[in-house]
C-alpha atoms as a PDB file:
ATOM      1  CA  UNK A   1      -7.007  -0.674  -2.984  1.00  0.00           C
ATOM      2  CA  UNK A   2      -5.478  -4.180  -2.714  1.00  0.00           C
ATOM      3  CA  UNK A   3      -4.874  -5.563  -6.284  1.00  0.00           C
ATOM      4  CA  UNK A   4      -4.393  -9.089  -5.149  1.00  0.00           C
ATOM      5  CA  UNK A   5      -4.893 -11.198  -2.011  1.00  0.00           C
ATOM      6  CA  UNK A   6      -1.793 -11.545   0.237  1.00  0.00           C
ATOM      7  CA  UNK A   7       0.089 -10.484   3.243  1.00  0.00           C
ATOM      8  CA  UNK A   8       1.434  -6.860   4.132  1.00  0.00           C
ATOM      9  CA  UNK A   9       5.260  -7.200   4.633  1.00  0.00           C
ATOM     10  CA  UNK A  10       6.008  -3.680   5.116  1.00  0.00           C
ATOM     11  CA  UNK A  11       3.982  -0.233   4.917  1.00  0.00           C
ATOM     12  CA  UNK A  12       6.478   2.462   3.535  1.00  0.00           C
ATOM     13  CA  UNK A  13       4.304   5.509   4.290  1.00  0.00           C
ATOM     14  CA  UNK A  14       2.484   7.090   7.246  1.00  0.00           C
ATOM     15  CA  UNK A  15      -0.543   9.425   7.083  1.00  0.00           C
ATOM     16  CA  UNK A  16       0.718  13.344   6.303  1.00  0.00           C
ATOM     17  CA  UNK A  17       3.449  11.900   3.994  1.00  0.00           C
ATOM     18  CA  UNK A  18       3.858  13.757   0.536  1.00  0.00           C
ATOM     19  CA  UNK A  19       4.459  10.993  -2.237  1.00  0.00           C
ATOM     20  CA  UNK A  20       5.095  11.549  -6.096  1.00  0.00           C
ATOM     21  CA  UNK A  21       3.793   9.069  -8.968  1.00  0.00           C
ATOM     22  CA  UNK A  22       5.843   5.939  -8.778  1.00  0.00           C
ATOM     23  CA  UNK A  23       6.781   5.764  -5.044  1.00  0.00           C
ATOM     24  CA  UNK A  24       6.556   2.828  -3.262  1.00  0.00           C
ATOM     25  CA  UNK A  25       3.594   2.705  -0.206  1.00  0.00           C
ATOM     26  CA  UNK A  26       3.374  -0.763   0.752  1.00  0.00           C
ATOM     27  CA  UNK A  27       4.902  -4.102  -0.082  1.00  0.00           C
ATOM     28  CA  UNK A  28       2.541  -6.911  -0.454  1.00  0.00           C
ATOM     29  CA  UNK A  29       3.582 -10.782  -0.606  1.00  0.00           C
ATOM     30  CA  UNK A  30       1.590 -13.012  -2.745  1.00  0.00           C
ATOM     31  CA  UNK A  31       2.014 -16.078  -4.001  1.00  0.00           C
ATOM     32  CA  UNK A  32       5.719 -16.101  -2.370  1.00  0.00           C
ATOM     33  CA  UNK A  33       6.696 -12.773  -4.517  1.00  0.00           C
ATOM     34  CA  UNK A  34       7.066  -9.464  -2.933  1.00  0.00           C
ATOM     35  CA  UNK A  35       5.092  -6.927  -4.671  1.00  0.00           C
ATOM     36  CA  UNK A  36       5.518  -2.905  -4.770  1.00  0.00           C
ATOM     37  CA  UNK A  37       2.326  -1.277  -4.640  1.00  0.00           C
ATOM     38  CA  UNK A  38       3.330   2.110  -5.742  1.00  0.00           C
ATOM     39  CA  UNK A  39       1.244   5.299  -5.848  1.00  0.00           C
ATOM     40  CA  UNK A  40      -0.227   6.637  -9.586  1.00  0.00           C
ATOM     41  CA  UNK A  41      -0.267  10.156  -8.623  1.00  0.00           C
ATOM     42  CA  UNK A  42       1.324  12.799  -6.825  1.00  0.00           C
ATOM     43  CA  UNK A  43      -0.317  13.784  -3.437  1.00  0.00           C
ATOM     44  CA  UNK A  44      -0.402  13.534   0.234  1.00  0.00           C
ATOM     45  CA  UNK A  45      -1.110   9.998   2.055  1.00  0.00           C
ATOM     46  CA  UNK A  46      -4.391  10.869   3.815  1.00  0.00           C
ATOM     47  CA  UNK A  47      -5.078   7.737   5.880  1.00  0.00           C
ATOM     48  CA  UNK A  48      -3.286   4.207   6.004  1.00  0.00           C
ATOM     49  CA  UNK A  49      -5.892   1.253   6.759  1.00  0.00           C
ATOM     50  CA  UNK A  50      -3.249  -1.646   6.795  1.00  0.00           C
ATOM     51  CA  UNK A  51      -0.138  -2.977   8.912  1.00  0.00           C
ATOM     52  CA  UNK A  52       2.637  -4.981   8.748  1.00  0.00           C
ATOM     53  CA  UNK A  53       1.568  -8.709   9.156  1.00  0.00           C
ATOM     54  CA  UNK A  54      -2.157  -8.017   8.231  1.00  0.00           C
ATOM     55  CA  UNK A  55      -3.824  -9.956   5.652  1.00  0.00           C
ATOM     56  CA  UNK A  56      -5.871  -8.381   2.669  1.00  0.00           C
ATOM     57  CA  UNK A  57      -8.108  -9.540  -0.203  1.00  0.00           C
ATOM     58  CA  UNK A  58      -8.529  -8.234  -3.756  1.00  0.00           C
ATOM     59  CA  UNK A  59     -10.182  -4.625  -3.291  1.00  0.00           C
ATOM     60  CA  UNK A  60      -9.592  -3.978   0.457  1.00  0.00           C
ATOM     61  CA  UNK A  61      -8.555  -0.454   1.072  1.00  0.00           C
ATOM     62  CA  UNK A  62      -5.342  -0.008   1.921  1.00  0.00           C
ATOM     63  CA  UNK A  63      -4.382   3.657   1.716  1.00  0.00           C
ATOM     64  CA  UNK A  64      -5.806   6.985   0.593  1.00  0.00           C
ATOM     65  CA  UNK A  65      -3.811   9.275  -1.327  1.00  0.00           C
ATOM     66  CA  UNK A  66      -5.209  12.672  -2.526  1.00  0.00           C
END
């Protein structure tokens, strides 16, 4: 989920991608700063709900990693 409101600058993964804890999933611009949103777990990206240029609010679903 989005930890803060902002604009999606880049989505680094696609559904089906294997990720390791700490991998960057999304670049989120908030207050003129680029924030790397990282996965806290090893897993597989099941779904991606955001695209480049999307706007998100706090708590919006961005990705599912299982």
